[in-house]
Amino acid sequence: MLNYPIRFEPILKDKIWGGNKLKQILNKPSTSENTGENWEISGVKGDVSVVENGPLKGQPLNALLEKYKERLLGGKNYKKFGTEFPLLIKFIDAKTELSVQLHPHDEIAKKRHNSFGKTEMWYIMQADEGAEINVGFKKSISKAEYLEHLNSGKITELLNFEKVQKGDSFFINTGKVHAIGAGVLLAEIQQTSDITYRIYDWDRVDSEGNSRELHTDLALNAIDFEKKEDFKLEYSRTANESSNIASCEYFTTNYLPVRGVVKKGISAIDSFVIYMCVSGKAQVAINGNSEVIEQGQTLLIPAKNEEVKISSEGAELLEVYVE
């Protein structure tokens, strides 16, 4: 039953900052003009992914984990995470700026929310001209300086902004303030967590005139006030080779441009492997069973499989697993 690439049903999320690129560019089945996220693979309670294809169609991810355990997750992952899926995979469309926010590390998240922390990374799929993101502060600051700027409405004066374009990639450590800017479409790989501390929301209100909740007190002891040049990721773009973009204890993400046929042995990884298509179209096959993956689509390869074959006339994939 685990001998084919598994696709999951879209979990679409309307957001105050969302737009229509998920529908127009990635062909997601949205009927809204404010769709901000599509959760591709999720084990988050209340938003568990459901299989869309093949013999396992209609089954939720948590039921597969309970039944197949290490055959789906990999031995090391099952020992560490049990039947909890360790990653949350998304596509995000920011028509306007997301709030300035940060995520707590594992220790704080466990103590306060009984949750994993939220280390994440972004791969920019498309960006409007002049689009930018916020990652970290312009300089190292004190807690007092931060509060002074926050309380006077001048927090943006401290923020570091980066212009972005297709192919840029960023690593967002826990504690680092950040915000996706207007006009950015990206793929996000993160720990399984939905814990966000919002510190500034551009003074906007919803259709009823209400501001969104801020988490000033919760954020204060979770923020990294130091300026660190640890966020921009460089990687090779050699055709038909997996080139590492990001590696951490929570996930490994490689960039894999495919032209022709690529065969990859994956048994030594001892992990499920996720393929996210960020441009083009490819055929992904295991054990003679194949699925076509197009821009904006995601496939899960269960850990029990030994080799994957990818064929394409020209596609760019993100290859994700937990080492």
Protein backbone atom coordinates (compact mmCIF):
# COMPACT_ATOMS: atom_id res chain seq x y z
CA MET A 1 0.00 0.00 0.00
CA LEU A 2 3.00 2.30 0.43
CA ASN A 3 4.46 1.51 -2.98
CA TYR A 4 3.32 4.64 -4.83
CA PRO A 5 3.82 8.42 -4.54
CA ILE A 6 1.12 9.77 -2.22
CA ARG A 7 -0.71 13.02 -2.95
CA PHE A 8 -2.89 14.82 -0.39
CA GLU A 9 -6.00 16.96 -0.70
CA PRO A 10 -5.41 20.73 -0.53
CA ILE A 11 -6.06 22.46 2.81
CA LEU A 12 -6.74 26.05 1.79
CA LYS A 13 -6.54 28.88 4.32
CA ASP A 14 -8.05 32.32 3.83
CA LYS A 15 -5.95 35.11 5.36
CA ILE A 16 -6.40 38.86 5.72
CA TRP A 17 -3.17 39.22 3.71
CA GLY A 18 -3.92 36.48 1.13
CA GLY A 19 -4.49 36.82 -2.61
CA ASN A 20 -5.26 34.73 -5.67
CA LYS A 21 -1.87 33.43 -6.84
CA LEU A 22 -2.47 30.01 -5.31
CA LYS A 23 -5.44 29.74 -7.67
CA GLN A 24 -4.06 31.58 -10.69
CA ILE A 25 -0.45 30.36 -10.67
CA LEU A 26 -0.59 27.07 -8.73
CA ASN A 27 -4.10 26.00 -9.85
CA LYS A 28 -5.39 25.40 -6.33
CA PRO A 29 -9.21 24.94 -6.10
CA SER A 30 -9.84 28.22 -4.31
CA THR A 31 -13.05 30.23 -4.68
CA SER A 32 -11.71 33.10 -2.59
CA GLU A 33 -9.71 36.21 -3.45
CA ASN A 34 -7.91 36.06 -0.09
CA THR A 35 -6.35 32.59 -0.03
CA GLY A 36 -3.07 32.93 1.82
CA GLU A 37 -1.91 29.36 2.36
CA ASN A 38 -2.29 25.85 1.07
CA TRP A 39 -1.19 23.20 3.54
CA GLU A 40 0.22 20.44 1.35
CA ILE A 41 1.10 17.90 4.05
CA SER A 42 -0.07 18.45 7.61
CA GLY A 43 -0.37 16.46 10.79
CA VAL A 44 -1.60 19.48 12.77
CA LYS A 45 -4.60 18.63 14.92
CA GLY A 46 -7.75 19.87 13.22
CA ASP A 47 -5.98 20.16 9.87
CA VAL A 48 -4.75 16.64 9.15
CA SER A 49 -4.07 15.91 5.48
CA VAL A 50 -6.21 13.32 3.66
CA VAL A 51 -4.86 11.14 0.83
CA GLU A 52 -6.15 12.19 -2.59
CA ASN A 53 -4.91 9.35 -4.81
CA GLY A 54 -4.38 5.60 -5.12
CA PRO A 55 -5.31 2.70 -2.84
CA LEU A 56 -5.05 4.86 0.31
CA LYS A 57 -7.40 7.55 -1.02
CA GLY A 58 -9.61 9.07 1.69
CA GLN A 59 -7.39 8.03 4.59
CA PRO A 60 -6.03 10.74 6.92
CA LEU A 61 -2.30 11.05 7.48
CA ASN A 62 -2.56 10.26 11.20
CA ALA A 63 -4.28 6.93 10.41
CA LEU A 64 -1.45 6.03 8.03
CA LEU A 65 1.12 6.83 10.71
CA GLU A 66 -0.69 4.64 13.24
CA LYS A 67 -0.84 1.74 10.80
CA TYR A 68 2.47 1.90 8.94
CA LYS A 69 4.75 3.54 11.52
CA GLU A 70 8.44 3.32 10.53
CA ARG A 71 7.53 2.02 7.07
CA LEU A 72 6.12 5.46 6.36
CA LEU A 73 8.29 7.69 8.57
CA GLY A 74 11.60 5.83 8.70
CA GLY A 75 13.07 4.06 11.72
CA LYS A 76 14.86 7.03 13.33
CA ASN A 77 11.89 9.32 12.78
CA TYR A 78 9.44 6.85 14.28
CA LYS A 79 11.66 6.44 17.32
CA LYS A 80 11.87 10.22 17.77
CA PHE A 81 8.37 11.38 16.76
CA GLY A 82 6.17 8.31 17.21
CA THR A 83 3.03 8.75 15.15
CA GLU A 84 3.36 12.54 14.85
CA PHE A 85 4.35 13.77 11.40
CA PRO A 86 7.37 16.05 11.99
CA LEU A 87 6.93 18.55 9.13
CA LEU A 88 4.32 20.98 7.88
CA ILE A 89 4.58 21.71 4.14
CA LYS A 90 2.93 24.81 2.63
CA PHE A 91 2.65 27.18 -0.28
CA ILE A 92 2.03 30.81 0.74
CA ASP A 93 0.74 33.79 -1.25
CA ALA A 94 1.19 37.21 0.36
CA LYS A 95 -0.88 39.81 -1.49
CA THR A 96 -0.05 42.20 1.34
CA GLU A 97 2.51 41.96 4.16
CA LEU A 98 2.20 39.28 6.80
CA SER A 99 2.49 40.47 10.38
CA VAL A 100 5.94 40.91 11.87
CA GLN A 101 6.25 37.76 13.94
CA LEU A 102 8.48 35.10 15.41
CA HIS A 103 8.21 31.51 16.55
CA PRO A 104 9.35 29.98 19.84
CA HIS A 105 11.97 27.24 20.13
CA ASP A 106 11.14 23.71 21.24
CA GLU A 107 11.59 24.29 24.97
CA ILE A 108 9.29 27.32 25.16
CA ALA A 109 6.74 25.79 22.79
CA LYS A 110 6.61 22.58 24.81
CA LYS A 111 6.23 24.38 28.13
CA ARG A 112 3.65 26.94 27.01
CA HIS A 113 1.73 25.15 24.25
CA ASN A 114 2.65 21.43 24.41
CA SER A 115 3.89 21.85 20.85
CA PHE A 116 7.05 21.61 18.80
CA GLY A 117 8.88 24.85 18.11
CA LYS A 118 8.86 26.26 14.62
CA THR A 119 12.09 26.41 12.67
CA GLU A 120 11.30 27.04 9.01
CA MET A 121 12.68 27.88 5.58
CA TRP A 122 11.36 29.65 2.49
CA TYR A 123 11.94 29.12 -1.22
CA ILE A 124 10.76 32.08 -3.33
CA MET A 125 8.71 30.81 -6.30
CA GLN A 126 7.60 34.18 -7.67
CA ALA A 127 7.96 37.77 -6.56
CA ASP A 128 6.48 40.96 -7.94
CA GLU A 129 8.94 43.69 -8.89
CA GLY A 130 10.37 45.33 -5.78
CA ALA A 131 8.97 42.68 -3.42
CA GLU A 132 10.84 42.17 -0.16
CA ILE A 133 10.79 40.25 3.10
CA ASN A 134 11.76 41.12 6.65
CA VAL A 135 14.33 38.85 8.28
CA GLY A 136 15.78 39.88 11.63
CA PHE A 137 16.95 43.29 12.84
CA LYS A 138 19.25 45.82 11.13
CA LYS A 139 21.55 45.67 14.14
CA SER A 140 21.80 43.92 17.49
CA ILE A 141 19.50 45.67 19.96
CA SER A 142 18.59 45.55 23.63
CA LYS A 143 15.24 44.51 25.03
CA ALA A 144 14.70 48.09 26.20
CA GLU A 145 15.41 49.50 22.72
CA TYR A 146 13.01 46.99 21.21
CA LEU A 147 10.21 47.91 23.62
CA GLU A 148 10.79 51.63 23.12
CA HIS A 149 10.35 51.28 19.34
CA LEU A 150 7.46 48.86 19.67
CA ASN A 151 5.49 51.05 22.08
CA SER A 152 6.06 54.18 20.01
CA GLY A 153 4.91 52.50 16.79
CA LYS A 154 8.38 52.69 15.23
CA ILE A 155 9.36 49.00 15.27
CA THR A 156 9.83 48.95 11.47
CA GLU A 157 12.80 51.31 11.89
CA LEU A 158 14.72 48.39 13.46
CA LEU A 159 13.79 45.72 10.91
CA ASN A 160 16.08 44.32 8.22
CA PHE A 161 14.41 44.14 4.79
CA GLU A 162 15.67 42.07 1.85
CA LYS A 163 14.63 42.34 -1.81
CA VAL A 164 13.69 38.94 -3.21
CA GLN A 165 13.37 37.18 -6.55
CA LYS A 166 12.57 33.69 -7.82
CA GLY A 167 14.99 31.08 -6.52
CA ASP A 168 16.04 32.96 -3.38
CA SER A 169 15.90 30.89 -0.23
CA PHE A 170 15.92 31.85 3.45
CA PHE A 171 16.31 30.02 6.77
CA ILE A 172 14.22 31.32 9.67
CA ASN A 173 15.55 30.27 13.06
CA THR A 174 13.27 30.30 16.08
CA GLY A 175 13.28 33.68 17.76
CA LYS A 176 14.09 35.61 14.57
CA VAL A 177 11.55 38.31 13.74
CA HIS A 178 10.32 38.00 10.16
CA ALA A 179 7.55 38.86 7.73
CA ILE A 180 6.78 37.82 4.16
CA GLY A 181 6.26 40.98 2.13
CA ALA A 182 3.57 41.92 -0.37
CA GLY A 183 3.77 40.24 -3.78
CA VAL A 184 5.66 37.10 -2.69
CA LEU A 185 4.69 33.50 -3.52
CA LEU A 186 6.78 30.90 -1.74
CA ALA A 187 7.16 27.31 -0.59
CA GLU A 188 7.60 26.82 3.15
CA ILE A 189 9.09 23.84 4.98
CA GLN A 190 8.75 23.91 8.75
CA GLN A 191 8.45 21.90 11.92
CA THR A 192 4.94 20.72 12.68
CA SER A 193 3.72 23.69 14.69
CA ASP A 194 1.16 26.43 14.31
CA ILE A 195 2.56 28.62 17.12
CA THR A 196 3.17 32.22 16.05
CA TYR A 197 3.86 35.29 18.18
CA ARG A 198 2.65 38.38 16.32
CA ILE A 199 4.37 41.60 17.42
CA TYR A 200 3.26 44.13 14.78
CA ASP A 201 0.51 44.05 12.14
CA TRP A 202 0.97 47.27 10.18
CA ASP A 203 -1.97 48.87 12.06
CA ARG A 204 -4.49 47.09 9.83
CA VAL A 205 -8.02 46.04 10.76
CA ASP A 206 -10.42 43.43 9.39
CA SER A 207 -13.72 44.07 7.61
CA GLU A 208 -15.39 44.76 10.96
CA GLY A 209 -12.74 47.25 12.08
CA ASN A 210 -11.00 44.89 14.50
CA SER A 211 -7.24 44.61 14.89
CA ARG A 212 -5.66 41.17 15.07
CA GLU A 213 -4.33 39.98 18.40
CA LEU A 214 -0.72 40.77 19.23
CA HIS A 215 1.43 38.60 21.49
CA THR A 216 3.76 41.23 22.97
CA ASP A 217 4.31 39.56 26.34
CA LEU A 218 4.67 36.01 25.01
CA ALA A 219 7.14 37.19 22.38
CA LEU A 220 9.40 39.13 24.73
CA ASN A 221 11.33 36.17 26.14
CA ALA A 222 11.37 34.32 22.82
CA ILE A 223 12.94 37.01 20.59
CA ASP A 224 16.54 36.84 19.40
CA PHE A 225 17.68 40.48 19.61
CA GLU A 226 21.04 39.85 17.95
CA LYS A 227 21.71 40.64 14.29
CA LYS A 228 22.89 37.44 12.60
CA GLU A 229 23.78 36.89 8.95
CA ASP A 230 22.46 33.31 9.05
CA PHE A 231 19.36 33.54 6.92
CA LYS A 232 20.26 33.83 3.19
CA LEU A 233 20.92 30.39 1.71
CA GLU A 234 23.23 29.68 -1.24
CA TYR A 235 23.07 26.49 -3.28
CA SER A 236 24.24 24.89 -6.53
CA ARG A 237 21.88 24.56 -9.51
CA THR A 238 23.48 21.64 -11.37
CA ALA A 239 20.97 19.77 -13.53
CA ASN A 240 19.90 16.31 -12.34
CA GLU A 241 21.75 16.61 -9.04
CA SER A 242 20.35 17.16 -5.54
CA SER A 243 22.07 20.27 -4.17
CA ASN A 244 21.62 21.07 -0.51
CA ILE A 245 19.83 24.32 0.34
CA ALA A 246 19.27 23.85 4.07
CA SER A 247 20.17 21.25 6.69
CA CYS A 248 19.20 21.30 10.35
CA GLU A 249 18.10 18.80 12.97
CA TYR A 250 14.49 19.24 11.86
CA PHE A 251 14.73 18.88 8.08
CA THR A 252 16.99 18.72 5.05
CA THR A 253 15.95 20.50 1.85
CA ASN A 254 17.68 19.99 -1.49
CA TYR A 255 17.17 21.69 -4.84
CA LEU A 256 16.77 19.20 -7.71
CA PRO A 257 16.42 20.50 -11.29
CA VAL A 258 15.45 17.63 -13.58
CA ARG A 259 15.91 17.44 -17.34
CA GLY A 260 15.69 13.88 -18.67
CA VAL A 261 15.67 10.97 -16.22
CA VAL A 262 17.06 10.87 -12.68
CA LYS A 263 17.19 7.72 -10.55
CA LYS A 264 17.83 8.16 -6.84
CA GLY A 265 18.49 5.58 -4.16
CA ILE A 266 16.68 6.72 -1.03
CA SER A 267 16.81 3.72 1.32
CA ALA A 268 19.93 4.98 3.15
CA ILE A 269 18.13 8.18 4.17
CA ASP A 270 15.84 6.19 6.49
CA SER A 271 13.14 8.83 6.07
CA PHE A 272 10.10 9.65 4.02
CA VAL A 273 10.99 11.95 1.11
CA ILE A 274 8.81 14.85 -0.03
CA TYR A 275 8.98 16.36 -3.51
CA MET A 276 7.57 19.86 -4.03
CA CYS A 277 7.40 21.07 -7.63
CA VAL A 278 8.33 24.75 -7.79
CA SER A 279 8.31 24.98 -11.61
CA GLY A 280 7.59 22.79 -14.62
CA LYS A 281 6.22 19.26 -14.56
CA ALA A 282 7.73 15.86 -13.78
CA GLN A 283 6.77 12.20 -13.46
CA VAL A 284 7.75 10.61 -10.16
CA ALA A 285 7.80 6.80 -9.96
CA ILE A 286 8.48 4.16 -7.31
CA ASN A 287 8.06 0.42 -7.88
CA GLY A 288 6.69 1.09 -11.35
CA ASN A 289 3.87 3.26 -9.95
CA SER A 290 4.01 6.90 -10.99
CA GLU A 291 2.33 10.26 -10.43
CA VAL A 292 2.73 13.47 -12.38
CA ILE A 293 3.73 16.47 -10.30
CA GLU A 294 3.26 20.02 -11.60
CA GLN A 295 4.18 23.44 -10.28
CA GLY A 296 2.51 23.87 -6.89
CA GLN A 297 2.03 20.16 -6.22
CA THR A 298 3.61 17.89 -3.61
CA LEU A 299 4.20 14.15 -3.31
CA LEU A 300 5.20 11.99 -0.33
CA ILE A 301 7.44 8.96 -0.85
CA PRO A 302 7.13 6.52 2.09
CA ALA A 303 10.39 5.54 3.77
CA LYS A 304 10.10 1.80 2.92
CA ASN A 305 10.89 2.48 -0.75
CA GLU A 306 14.42 2.07 -2.05
CA GLU A 307 14.54 4.07 -5.28
CA VAL A 308 12.69 6.88 -6.96
CA LYS A 309 12.74 7.65 -10.68
CA ILE A 310 12.00 11.19 -11.85
CA SER A 311 11.44 12.10 -15.51
CA SER A 312 10.95 15.57 -16.92
CA GLU A 313 11.55 17.81 -19.91
CA GLY A 314 12.35 20.54 -17.41
CA ALA A 315 11.26 20.84 -13.77
CA GLU A 316 12.55 22.28 -10.51
CA LEU A 317 11.85 20.25 -7.38
CA LEU A 318 12.50 20.69 -3.69
CA GLU A 319 13.49 17.40 -2.06
CA VAL A 320 12.74 17.30 1.66
CA TYR A 321 13.40 14.70 4.36
CA VAL A 322 14.44 14.35 8.00
CA GLU A 323 17.95 12.95 8.50
